[in-house]
Amino acid sequence: MDGTQMGVLPGDDETVHVVLVKGDDYKPTTDGAVVYLNAGNDLQPMLDKVEENGGQIIQPKTEISPEMGWFALFIDTEGNKLGLHSTH
């Protein structure tokens, strides 16, 4: 796996919850599938960190429905479109 970098995000239970992979053949995109990250009870504190760290918010915190919770969209510093989801 020459030219590949990996970042592992462990969960509270010491298992791997997310693996981020960067490689020579991977290209950032805003046109592909959107990965939504679980931001817990309220996504706003996590969303506040997006612009502080060089990202761009493209959809602020928006209610889907009372039953389904809230979402937001942003572009990270590498140019990928990502989403956040929370219950409140």
Foldseek 3Di string as FASTA:
>chain_A
DPQKDKDFDADPVRHTDDIDMDGPPDAADAPDDAAEDECEADCVVVVVVQVVQPKAWPAPWDAPDLVQFTKTWIAHPRGHIYMYGHND
